[in-house]
Amino acid sequence: MPISRFLDWLIESTNLDQYMERLVTSFNPSTVEGLMCRNMLSIGWDGSIYDCDFNQMLELPVTSSARHIRDFDVHALQSREIVVDRHCFGCTAGAGSSCSGATTT
């Protein structure tokens, strides 16, 4: 996943563009339904709500009025737009990747 220290290494080694091209060209639309961000949430140690573990690591909170567990609102969270960035291609490449493993068979 192109985040944190791995992202730093990709940039320093000038491999980021090549790595991202591989992820983008490996996009598999059948992985999308099984992604964590579509079916689960990630809760930070402080109660902040995120679409997935990677967004939590990047401090990208949900786009909902319910951004903290104390404000949990299932309806607001179900209708939110999922926060996406280039790292999301890592979960949609090939057979996909999610908390429970591959998202396709």
PDB file of N, CA and C in Angstrom:
ATOM      1  N   MET A   1       0.846  -1.170   0.000  1.00  0.00           N
ATOM      2  CA  MET A   1       0.000   0.000   0.000  1.00  0.00           C
ATOM      3  C   MET A   1       0.897   1.240   0.000  1.00  0.00           C
ATOM      4  N   PRO A   2       0.653   2.168  -0.895  1.00  0.00           N
ATOM      5  CA  PRO A   2       1.524   3.342  -0.991  1.00  0.00           C
ATOM      6  C   PRO A   2       1.234   4.390   0.084  1.00  0.00           C
ATOM      7  N   ILE A   3       1.571   4.054   1.339  1.00  0.00           N
ATOM      8  CA  ILE A   3       1.406   4.982   2.454  1.00  0.00           C
ATOM      9  C   ILE A   3       2.606   4.860   3.388  1.00  0.00           C
ATOM     10  N   SER A   4       2.767   5.820   4.242  1.00  0.00           N
ATOM     11  CA  SER A   4       3.770   5.833   5.309  1.00  0.00           C
ATOM     12  C   SER A   4       5.184   5.579   4.794  1.00  0.00           C
ATOM     13  N   ARG A   5       5.914   4.702   5.467  1.00  0.00           N
ATOM     14  CA  ARG A   5       7.318   4.469   5.106  1.00  0.00           C
ATOM     15  C   ARG A   5       7.465   3.882   3.709  1.00  0.00           C
ATOM     16  N   PHE A   6       6.513   3.033   3.305  1.00  0.00           N
ATOM     17  CA  PHE A   6       6.600   2.477   1.953  1.00  0.00           C
ATOM     18  C   PHE A   6       6.444   3.586   0.919  1.00  0.00           C
ATOM     19  N   LEU A   7       5.534   4.513   1.144  1.00  0.00           N
ATOM     20  CA  LEU A   7       5.380   5.653   0.239  1.00  0.00           C
ATOM     21  C   LEU A   7       6.663   6.485   0.217  1.00  0.00           C
ATOM     22  N   ASP A   8       7.231   6.715   1.385  1.00  0.00           N
ATOM     23  CA  ASP A   8       8.498   7.458   1.436  1.00  0.00           C
ATOM     24  C   ASP A   8       9.557   6.772   0.583  1.00  0.00           C
ATOM     25  N   TRP A   9       9.659   5.451   0.713  1.00  0.00           N
ATOM     26  CA  TRP A   9      10.649   4.704  -0.070  1.00  0.00           C
ATOM     27  C   TRP A   9      10.348   4.792  -1.566  1.00  0.00           C
ATOM     28  N   LEU A  10       9.069   4.659  -1.934  1.00  0.00           N
ATOM     29  CA  LEU A  10       8.704   4.753  -3.351  1.00  0.00           C
ATOM     30  C   LEU A  10       9.119   6.100  -3.934  1.00  0.00           C
ATOM     31  N   ILE A  11       8.911   7.150  -3.177  1.00  0.00           N
ATOM     32  CA  ILE A  11       9.278   8.487  -3.646  1.00  0.00           C
ATOM     33  C   ILE A  11      10.798   8.627  -3.737  1.00  0.00           C
ATOM     34  N   GLU A  12      11.487   8.243  -2.669  1.00  0.00           N
ATOM     35  CA  GLU A  12      12.953   8.377  -2.634  1.00  0.00           C
ATOM     36  C   GLU A  12      13.639   7.547  -3.714  1.00  0.00           C
ATOM     37  N   SER A  13      13.071   6.397  -4.033  1.00  0.00           N
ATOM     38  CA  SER A  13      13.685   5.507  -5.028  1.00  0.00           C
ATOM     39  C   SER A  13      13.158   5.770  -6.437  1.00  0.00           C
ATOM     40  N   THR A  14      12.323   6.782  -6.584  1.00  0.00           N
ATOM     41  CA  THR A  14      11.675   7.145  -7.854  1.00  0.00           C
ATOM     42  C   THR A  14      10.874   5.995  -8.456  1.00  0.00           C
ATOM     43  N   ASN A  15      10.266   5.180  -7.602  1.00  0.00           N
ATOM     44  CA  ASN A  15       9.438   4.061  -8.054  1.00  0.00           C
ATOM     45  C   ASN A  15       7.941   4.325  -7.935  1.00  0.00           C
ATOM     46  N   LEU A  16       7.549   5.482  -7.412  1.00  0.00           N
ATOM     47  CA  LEU A  16       6.132   5.737  -7.157  1.00  0.00           C
ATOM     48  C   LEU A  16       5.289   5.671  -8.427  1.00  0.00           C
ATOM     49  N   ASP A  17       5.706   6.335  -9.482  1.00  0.00           N
ATOM     50  CA  ASP A  17       4.909   6.348 -10.712  1.00  0.00           C
ATOM     51  C   ASP A  17       4.726   4.941 -11.273  1.00  0.00           C
ATOM     52  N   GLN A  18       5.785   4.172 -11.295  1.00  0.00           N
ATOM     53  CA  GLN A  18       5.711   2.802 -11.816  1.00  0.00           C
ATOM     54  C   GLN A  18       4.807   1.936 -10.936  1.00  0.00           C
ATOM     55  N   TYR A  19       4.938   2.075  -9.628  1.00  0.00           N
ATOM     56  CA  TYR A  19       4.114   1.300  -8.702  1.00  0.00           C
ATOM     57  C   TYR A  19       2.637   1.659  -8.872  1.00  0.00           C
ATOM     58  N   MET A  20       2.339   2.961  -8.929  1.00  0.00           N
ATOM     59  CA  MET A  20       0.951   3.394  -9.085  1.00  0.00           C
ATOM     60  C   MET A  20       0.386   2.954 -10.428  1.00  0.00           C
ATOM     61  N   GLU A  21       1.189   2.996 -11.469  1.00  0.00           N
ATOM     62  CA  GLU A  21       0.724   2.531 -12.777  1.00  0.00           C
ATOM     63  C   GLU A  21       0.329   1.055 -12.708  1.00  0.00           C
ATOM     64  N   ARG A  22       1.131   0.273 -12.007  1.00  0.00           N
ATOM     65  CA  ARG A  22       0.814  -1.151 -11.870  1.00  0.00           C
ATOM     66  C   ARG A  22      -0.492  -1.349 -11.098  1.00  0.00           C
ATOM     67  N   LEU A  23      -0.686  -0.598 -10.012  1.00  0.00           N
ATOM     68  CA  LEU A  23      -1.931  -0.712  -9.249  1.00  0.00           C
ATOM     69  C   LEU A  23      -3.131  -0.293 -10.090  1.00  0.00           C
ATOM     70  N   VAL A  24      -3.013   0.831 -10.775  1.00  0.00           N
ATOM     71  CA  VAL A  24      -4.133   1.344 -11.574  1.00  0.00           C
ATOM     72  C   VAL A  24      -4.480   0.386 -12.710  1.00  0.00           C
ATOM     73  N   THR A  25      -3.485  -0.136 -13.394  1.00  0.00           N
ATOM     74  CA  THR A  25      -3.768  -1.052 -14.508  1.00  0.00           C
ATOM     75  C   THR A  25      -4.242  -2.414 -14.018  1.00  0.00           C
ATOM     76  N   SER A  26      -4.048  -2.703 -12.730  1.00  0.00           N
ATOM     77  CA  SER A  26      -4.523  -3.968 -12.156  1.00  0.00           C
ATOM     78  C   SER A  26      -5.893  -3.820 -11.506  1.00  0.00           C
ATOM     79  N   PHE A  27      -6.512  -2.636 -11.642  1.00  0.00           N
ATOM     80  CA  PHE A  27      -7.839  -2.398 -11.060  1.00  0.00           C
ATOM     81  C   PHE A  27      -8.818  -3.462 -11.532  1.00  0.00           C
ATOM     82  N   ASN A  28      -9.547  -4.035 -10.583  1.00  0.00           N
ATOM     83  CA  ASN A  28     -10.542  -5.061 -10.872  1.00  0.00           C
ATOM     84  C   ASN A  28     -11.875  -4.584 -10.304  1.00  0.00           C
ATOM     85  N   PRO A  29     -12.825  -4.169 -11.150  1.00  0.00           N
ATOM     86  CA  PRO A  29     -14.091  -3.634 -10.654  1.00  0.00           C
ATOM     87  C   PRO A  29     -14.885  -4.616  -9.800  1.00  0.00           C
ATOM     88  N   SER A  30     -14.657  -5.906  -9.956  1.00  0.00           N
ATOM     89  CA  SER A  30     -15.414  -6.877  -9.154  1.00  0.00           C
ATOM     90  C   SER A  30     -14.949  -6.910  -7.699  1.00  0.00           C
ATOM     91  N   THR A  31     -13.869  -6.209  -7.368  1.00  0.00           N
ATOM     92  CA  THR A  31     -13.395  -6.166  -5.980  1.00  0.00           C
ATOM     93  C   THR A  31     -14.136  -5.129  -5.149  1.00  0.00           C
ATOM     94  N   VAL A  32     -14.744  -4.161  -5.794  1.00  0.00           N
ATOM     95  CA  VAL A  32     -15.276  -2.988  -5.106  1.00  0.00           C
ATOM     96  C   VAL A  32     -16.338  -3.344  -4.067  1.00  0.00           C
ATOM     97  N   GLU A  33     -17.251  -4.227  -4.390  1.00  0.00           N
ATOM     98  CA  GLU A  33     -18.338  -4.554  -3.462  1.00  0.00           C
ATOM     99  C   GLU A  33     -17.826  -5.114  -2.134  1.00  0.00           C
ATOM    100  N   GLY A  34     -16.717  -5.834  -2.140  1.00  0.00           N
ATOM    101  CA  GLY A  34     -16.213  -6.461  -0.925  1.00  0.00           C
ATOM    102  C   GLY A  34     -15.218  -5.640  -0.132  1.00  0.00           C
ATOM    103  N   LEU A  35     -14.986  -4.408  -0.519  1.00  0.00           N
ATOM    104  CA  LEU A  35     -13.999  -3.581   0.178  1.00  0.00           C
ATOM    105  C   LEU A  35     -14.457  -3.211   1.586  1.00  0.00           C
ATOM    106  N   MET A  36     -13.507  -3.115   2.490  1.00  0.00           N
ATOM    107  CA  MET A  36     -13.809  -2.752   3.874  1.00  0.00           C
ATOM    108  C   MET A  36     -14.599  -1.447   3.944  1.00  0.00           C
ATOM    109  N   CYS A  37     -14.198  -0.467   3.165  1.00  0.00           N
ATOM    110  CA  CYS A  37     -14.834   0.848   3.229  1.00  0.00           C
ATOM    111  C   CYS A  37     -16.305   0.811   2.827  1.00  0.00           C
ATOM    112  N   ARG A  38     -16.721  -0.249   2.154  1.00  0.00           N
ATOM    113  CA  ARG A  38     -18.118  -0.380   1.739  1.00  0.00           C
ATOM    114  C   ARG A  38     -18.985  -1.048   2.803  1.00  0.00           C
ATOM    115  N   ASN A  39     -18.357  -1.807   3.707  1.00  0.00           N
ATOM    116  CA  ASN A  39     -19.129  -2.648   4.627  1.00  0.00           C
ATOM    117  C   ASN A  39     -18.760  -2.514   6.099  1.00  0.00           C
ATOM    118  N   MET A  40     -17.662  -1.849   6.408  1.00  0.00           N
ATOM    119  CA  MET A  40     -17.202  -1.720   7.795  1.00  0.00           C
ATOM    120  C   MET A  40     -16.667  -0.317   8.030  1.00  0.00           C
ATOM    121  N   LEU A  41     -16.321  -0.051   9.267  1.00  0.00           N
ATOM    122  CA  LEU A  41     -15.680   1.203   9.653  1.00  0.00           C
ATOM    123  C   LEU A  41     -14.439   0.882  10.463  1.00  0.00           C
ATOM    124  N   SER A  42     -13.555   1.839  10.558  1.00  0.00           N
ATOM    125  CA  SER A  42     -12.384   1.727  11.419  1.00  0.00           C
ATOM    126  C   SER A  42     -12.529   2.805  12.489  1.00  0.00           C
ATOM    127  N   ILE A  43     -12.362   2.415  13.748  1.00  0.00           N
ATOM    128  CA  ILE A  43     -12.504   3.353  14.857  1.00  0.00           C
ATOM    129  C   ILE A  43     -11.134   3.591  15.474  1.00  0.00           C
ATOM    130  N   GLY A  44     -10.732   4.842  15.548  1.00  0.00           N
ATOM    131  CA  GLY A  44      -9.443   5.196  16.134  1.00  0.00           C
ATOM    132  C   GLY A  44      -9.461   5.073  17.647  1.00  0.00           C
ATOM    133  N   TRP A  45      -8.283   5.086  18.245  1.00  0.00           N
ATOM    134  CA  TRP A  45      -8.154   4.965  19.703  1.00  0.00           C
ATOM    135  C   TRP A  45      -8.907   6.081  20.425  1.00  0.00           C
ATOM    136  N   ASP A  46      -9.066   7.226  19.740  1.00  0.00           N
ATOM    137  CA  ASP A  46      -9.740   8.373  20.345  1.00  0.00           C
ATOM    138  C   ASP A  46     -11.224   8.438  19.996  1.00  0.00           C
ATOM    139  N   GLY A  47     -11.726   7.422  19.278  1.00  0.00           N
ATOM    140  CA  GLY A  47     -13.137   7.379  18.915  1.00  0.00           C
ATOM    141  C   GLY A  47     -13.452   7.953  17.548  1.00  0.00           C
ATOM    142  N   SER A  48     -12.456   8.469  16.847  1.00  0.00           N
ATOM    143  CA  SER A  48     -12.685   8.998  15.496  1.00  0.00           C
ATOM    144  C   SER A  48     -13.059   7.861  14.554  1.00  0.00           C
ATOM    145  N   ILE A  49     -13.927   8.153  13.604  1.00  0.00           N
ATOM    146  CA  ILE A  49     -14.428   7.148  12.664  1.00  0.00           C
ATOM    147  C   ILE A  49     -13.781   7.361  11.296  1.00  0.00           C
ATOM    148  N   TYR A  50     -13.341   6.250  10.704  1.00  0.00           N
ATOM    149  CA  TYR A  50     -12.694   6.270   9.389  1.00  0.00           C
ATOM    150  C   TYR A  50     -13.346   5.225   8.491  1.00  0.00           C
ATOM    151  N   ASP A  51     -13.242   5.423   7.181  1.00  0.00           N
ATOM    152  CA  ASP A  51     -13.791   4.462   6.224  1.00  0.00           C
ATOM    153  C   ASP A  51     -13.028   3.144   6.229  1.00  0.00           C
ATOM    154  N   CYS A  52     -11.730   3.189   6.524  1.00  0.00           N
ATOM    155  CA  CYS A  52     -10.915   1.968   6.526  1.00  0.00           C
ATOM    156  C   CYS A  52      -9.668   2.193   7.369  1.00  0.00           C
ATOM    157  N   ASP A  53      -8.935   1.124   7.609  1.00  0.00           N
ATOM    158  CA  ASP A  53      -7.709   1.203   8.406  1.00  0.00           C
ATOM    159  C   ASP A  53      -6.659   2.103   7.761  1.00  0.00           C
ATOM    160  N   PHE A  54      -6.586   2.084   6.435  1.00  0.00           N
ATOM    161  CA  PHE A  54      -5.586   2.905   5.752  1.00  0.00           C
ATOM    162  C   PHE A  54      -5.929   4.384   5.874  1.00  0.00           C
ATOM    163  N   ASN A  55      -7.206   4.732   5.755  1.00  0.00           N
ATOM    164  CA  ASN A  55      -7.604   6.126   5.960  1.00  0.00           C
ATOM    165  C   ASN A  55      -7.320   6.553   7.397  1.00  0.00           C
ATOM    166  N   GLN A  56      -7.481   5.620   8.336  1.00  0.00           N
ATOM    167  CA  GLN A  56      -7.146   5.941   9.726  1.00  0.00           C
ATOM    168  C   GLN A  56      -5.659   6.257   9.854  1.00  0.00           C
ATOM    169  N   MET A  57      -4.820   5.453   9.238  1.00  0.00           N
ATOM    170  CA  MET A  57      -3.375   5.699   9.292  1.00  0.00           C
ATOM    171  C   MET A  57      -3.016   7.050   8.681  1.00  0.00           C
ATOM    172  N   LEU A  58      -3.773   7.461   7.664  1.00  0.00           N
ATOM    173  CA  LEU A  58      -3.524   8.732   6.978  1.00  0.00           C
ATOM    174  C   LEU A  58      -4.302   9.894   7.586  1.00  0.00           C
ATOM    175  N   GLU A  59      -5.067   9.602   8.650  1.00  0.00           N
ATOM    176  CA  GLU A  59      -5.889  10.602   9.330  1.00  0.00           C
ATOM    177  C   GLU A  59      -6.878  11.271   8.382  1.00  0.00           C
ATOM    178  N   LEU A  60      -7.571  10.439   7.593  1.00  0.00           N
ATOM    179  CA  LEU A  60      -8.611  10.902   6.675  1.00  0.00           C
ATOM    180  C   LEU A  60      -9.963  10.444   7.226  1.00  0.00           C
ATOM    181  N   PRO A  61     -10.637  11.270   8.030  1.00  0.00           N
ATOM    182  CA  PRO A  61     -11.894  10.854   8.651  1.00  0.00           C
ATOM    183  C   PRO A  61     -13.038  10.743   7.648  1.00  0.00           C
ATOM    184  N   VAL A  62     -14.106  10.107   8.084  1.00  0.00           N
ATOM    185  CA  VAL A  62     -15.289   9.963   7.235  1.00  0.00           C
ATOM    186  C   VAL A  62     -15.869  11.335   6.910  1.00  0.00           C
ATOM    187  N   THR A  63     -16.578  11.406   5.796  1.00  0.00           N
ATOM    188  CA  THR A  63     -17.270  12.638   5.410  1.00  0.00           C
ATOM    189  C   THR A  63     -18.720  12.520   5.849  1.00  0.00           C
ATOM    190  N   SER A  64     -18.929  12.598   7.130  1.00  0.00           N
ATOM    191  CA  SER A  64     -20.252  12.431   7.713  1.00  0.00           C
ATOM    192  C   SER A  64     -20.339  13.325   8.937  1.00  0.00           C
ATOM    193  N   SER A  65     -21.547  13.663   9.330  1.00  0.00           N
ATOM    194  CA  SER A  65     -21.708  14.417  10.574  1.00  0.00           C
ATOM    195  C   SER A  65     -21.315  13.554  11.769  1.00  0.00           C
ATOM    196  N   ALA A  66     -21.341  12.242  11.590  1.00  0.00           N
ATOM    197  CA  ALA A  66     -20.929  11.293  12.638  1.00  0.00           C
ATOM    198  C   ALA A  66     -19.450  10.964  12.430  1.00  0.00           C
ATOM    199  N   ARG A  67     -18.571  11.835  12.916  1.00  0.00           N
ATOM    200  CA  ARG A  67     -17.125  11.634  12.738  1.00  0.00           C
ATOM    201  C   ARG A  67     -16.464  11.066  13.985  1.00  0.00           C
ATOM    202  N   HIS A  68     -17.253  10.876  15.034  1.00  0.00           N
ATOM    203  CA  HIS A  68     -16.742  10.323  16.290  1.00  0.00           C
ATOM    204  C   HIS A  68     -17.758   9.312  16.805  1.00  0.00           C
ATOM    205  N   ILE A  69     -17.271   8.300  17.486  1.00  0.00           N
ATOM    206  CA  ILE A  69     -18.143   7.226  17.959  1.00  0.00           C
ATOM    207  C   ILE A  69     -19.256   7.753  18.872  1.00  0.00           C
ATOM    208  N   ARG A  70     -19.004   8.839  19.600  1.00  0.00           N
ATOM    209  CA  ARG A  70     -20.043   9.397  20.472  1.00  0.00           C
ATOM    210  C   ARG A  70     -21.204   9.975  19.656  1.00  0.00           C
ATOM    211  N   ASP A  71     -20.951  10.296  18.376  1.00  0.00           N
ATOM    212  CA  ASP A  71     -21.980  10.853  17.495  1.00  0.00           C
ATOM    213  C   ASP A  71     -22.505   9.814  16.510  1.00  0.00           C
ATOM    214  N   PHE A  72     -22.241   8.541  16.777  1.00  0.00           N
ATOM    215  CA  PHE A  72     -22.576   7.470  15.836  1.00  0.00           C
ATOM    216  C   PHE A  72     -24.021   7.588  15.364  1.00  0.00           C
ATOM    217  N   ASP A  73     -24.186   7.592  14.050  1.00  0.00           N
ATOM    218  CA  ASP A  73     -25.503   7.686  13.418  1.00  0.00           C
ATOM    219  C   ASP A  73     -25.469   6.795  12.186  1.00  0.00           C
ATOM    220  N   VAL A  74     -26.085   5.638  12.298  1.00  0.00           N
ATOM    221  CA  VAL A  74     -26.008   4.650  11.220  1.00  0.00           C
ATOM    222  C   VAL A  74     -26.525   5.211   9.899  1.00  0.00           C
ATOM    223  N   HIS A  75     -27.570   6.012   9.941  1.00  0.00           N
ATOM    224  CA  HIS A  75     -28.134   6.555   8.697  1.00  0.00           C
ATOM    225  C   HIS A  75     -27.181   7.556   8.045  1.00  0.00           C
ATOM    226  N   ALA A  76     -26.582   8.414   8.842  1.00  0.00           N
ATOM    227  CA  ALA A  76     -25.614   9.379   8.299  1.00  0.00           C
ATOM    228  C   ALA A  76     -24.408   8.657   7.715  1.00  0.00           C
ATOM    229  N   LEU A  77     -23.956   7.612   8.389  1.00  0.00           N
ATOM    230  CA  LEU A  77     -22.787   6.874   7.911  1.00  0.00           C
ATOM    231  C   LEU A  77     -23.097   6.061   6.659  1.00  0.00           C
ATOM    232  N   GLN A  78     -24.311   5.524   6.564  1.00  0.00           N
ATOM    233  CA  GLN A  78     -24.677   4.749   5.374  1.00  0.00           C
ATOM    234  C   GLN A  78     -24.783   5.624   4.130  1.00  0.00           C
ATOM    235  N   SER A  79     -25.094   6.890   4.298  1.00  0.00           N
ATOM    236  CA  SER A  79     -25.275   7.770   3.137  1.00  0.00           C
ATOM    237  C   SER A  79     -24.037   8.624   2.837  1.00  0.00           C
ATOM    238  N   ARG A  80     -22.944   8.393   3.547  1.00  0.00           N
ATOM    239  CA  ARG A  80     -21.739   9.201   3.352  1.00  0.00           C
ATOM    240  C   ARG A  80     -21.046   8.855   2.036  1.00  0.00           C
ATOM    241  N   GLU A  81     -20.240   9.785   1.553  1.00  0.00           N
ATOM    242  CA  GLU A  81     -19.329   9.495   0.448  1.00  0.00           C
ATOM    243  C   GLU A  81     -18.039   8.981   1.059  1.00  0.00           C
ATOM    244  N   ILE A  82     -17.514   7.893   0.528  1.00  0.00           N
ATOM    245  CA  ILE A  82     -16.289   7.298   1.044  1.00  0.00           C
ATOM    246  C   ILE A  82     -15.093   8.136   0.599  1.00  0.00           C
ATOM    247  N   VAL A  83     -14.198   8.417   1.537  1.00  0.00           N
ATOM    248  CA  VAL A  83     -12.984   9.181   1.242  1.00  0.00           C
ATOM    249  C   VAL A  83     -12.020   8.269   0.492  1.00  0.00           C
ATOM    250  N   VAL A  84     -11.622   8.688  -0.704  1.00  0.00           N
ATOM    251  CA  VAL A  84     -10.705   7.884  -1.517  1.00  0.00           C
ATOM    252  C   VAL A  84      -9.470   8.704  -1.887  1.00  0.00           C
ATOM    253  N   ASP A  85      -8.380   7.982  -2.137  1.00  0.00           N
ATOM    254  CA  ASP A  85      -7.121   8.592  -2.568  1.00  0.00           C
ATOM    255  C   ASP A  85      -6.354   7.510  -3.313  1.00  0.00           C
ATOM    256  N   ARG A  86      -5.144   7.798  -3.723  1.00  0.00           N
ATOM    257  CA  ARG A  86      -4.406   6.844  -4.552  1.00  0.00           C
ATOM    258  C   ARG A  86      -4.158   5.517  -3.863  1.00  0.00           C
ATOM    259  N   HIS A  87      -4.082   5.496  -2.532  1.00  0.00           N
ATOM    260  CA  HIS A  87      -3.841   4.232  -1.835  1.00  0.00           C
ATOM    261  C   HIS A  87      -4.983   3.236  -2.039  1.00  0.00           C
ATOM    262  N   CYS A  88      -6.161   3.716  -2.386  1.00  0.00           N
ATOM    263  CA  CYS A  88      -7.324   2.840  -2.574  1.00  0.00           C
ATOM    264  C   CYS A  88      -7.123   1.843  -3.714  1.00  0.00           C
ATOM    265  N   PHE A  89      -6.301   2.179  -4.682  1.00  0.00           N
ATOM    266  CA  PHE A  89      -6.033   1.234  -5.764  1.00  0.00           C
ATOM    267  C   PHE A  89      -5.380  -0.042  -5.239  1.00  0.00           C
ATOM    268  N   GLY A  90      -4.719   0.034  -4.086  1.00  0.00           N
ATOM    269  CA  GLY A  90      -4.102  -1.152  -3.498  1.00  0.00           C
ATOM    270  C   GLY A  90      -5.122  -2.204  -3.108  1.00  0.00           C
ATOM    271  N   CYS A  91      -6.313  -1.792  -2.728  1.00  0.00           N
ATOM    272  CA  CYS A  91      -7.361  -2.742  -2.331  1.00  0.00           C
ATOM    273  C   CYS A  91      -8.176  -3.245  -3.520  1.00  0.00           C
ATOM    274  N   THR A  92      -8.048  -2.601  -4.666  1.00  0.00           N
ATOM    275  CA  THR A  92      -8.858  -2.983  -5.828  1.00  0.00           C
ATOM    276  C   THR A  92      -8.048  -3.663  -6.920  1.00  0.00           C
ATOM    277  N   ALA A  93      -6.774  -3.892  -6.664  1.00  0.00           N
ATOM    278  CA  ALA A  93      -5.912  -4.535  -7.666  1.00  0.00           C
ATOM    279  C   ALA A  93      -6.048  -6.051  -7.592  1.00  0.00           C
ATOM    280  N   GLY A  94      -6.038  -6.687  -8.734  1.00  0.00           N
ATOM    281  CA  GLY A  94      -6.061  -8.156  -8.794  1.00  0.00           C
ATOM    282  C   GLY A  94      -7.296  -8.745  -8.142  1.00  0.00           C
ATOM    283  N   ALA A  95      -7.093  -9.621  -7.150  1.00  0.00           N
ATOM    284  CA  ALA A  95      -8.206 -10.265  -6.445  1.00  0.00           C
ATOM    285  C   ALA A  95      -8.728  -9.400  -5.309  1.00  0.00           C
ATOM    286  N   GLY A  96      -8.176  -8.205  -5.156  1.00  0.00           N
ATOM    287  CA  GLY A  96      -8.621  -7.295  -4.115  1.00  0.00           C
ATOM    288  C   GLY A  96      -8.011  -7.624  -2.771  1.00  0.00           C
ATOM    289  N   SER A  97      -8.203  -6.718  -1.834  1.00  0.00           N
ATOM    290  CA  SER A  97      -7.653  -6.893  -0.492  1.00  0.00           C
ATOM    291  C   SER A  97      -8.562  -6.200   0.500  1.00  0.00           C
ATOM    292  N   SER A  98      -8.854  -6.889   1.581  1.00  0.00           N
ATOM    293  CA  SER A  98      -9.662  -6.319   2.640  1.00  0.00           C
ATOM    294  C   SER A  98      -9.281  -6.993   3.949  1.00  0.00           C
ATOM    295  N   CYS A  99      -9.914  -6.608   5.016  1.00  0.00           N
ATOM    296  CA  CYS A  99      -9.572  -7.161   6.335  1.00  0.00           C
ATOM    297  C   CYS A  99      -9.686  -8.678   6.378  1.00  0.00           C
ATOM    298  N   SER A 100     -10.570  -9.225   5.587  1.00  0.00           N
ATOM    299  CA  SER A 100     -10.770 -10.679   5.597  1.00  0.00           C
ATOM    300  C   SER A 100     -10.053 -11.367   4.441  1.00  0.00           C
ATOM    301  N   GLY A 101      -9.133 -10.669   3.784  1.00  0.00           N
ATOM    302  CA  GLY A 101      -8.367 -11.261   2.683  1.00  0.00           C
ATOM    303  C   GLY A 101      -8.866 -10.782   1.335  1.00  0.00           C
ATOM    304  N   ALA A 102      -8.758 -11.645   0.329  1.00  0.00           N
ATOM    305  CA  ALA A 102      -9.177 -11.299  -1.038  1.00  0.00           C
ATOM    306  C   ALA A 102     -10.664 -10.975  -1.067  1.00  0.00           C
ATOM    307  N   THR A 103     -11.053 -10.045  -1.932  1.00  0.00           N
ATOM    308  CA  THR A 103     -12.463  -9.672  -2.044  1.00  0.00           C
ATOM    309  C   THR A 103     -13.167 -10.397  -3.183  1.00  0.00           C
ATOM    310  N   THR A 104     -12.422 -11.117  -4.004  1.00  0.00           N
ATOM    311  CA  THR A 104     -13.013 -11.923  -5.077  1.00  0.00           C
ATOM    312  C   THR A 104     -12.399 -13.314  -5.031  1.00  0.00           C
ATOM    313  N   THR A 105     -13.049 -14.238  -5.701  1.00  0.00           N
ATOM    314  CA  THR A 105     -12.508 -15.610  -5.736  1.00  0.00           C
ATOM    315  C   THR A 105     -11.927 -15.922  -7.084  1.00  0.00           C
TER     316      THR A 105
END
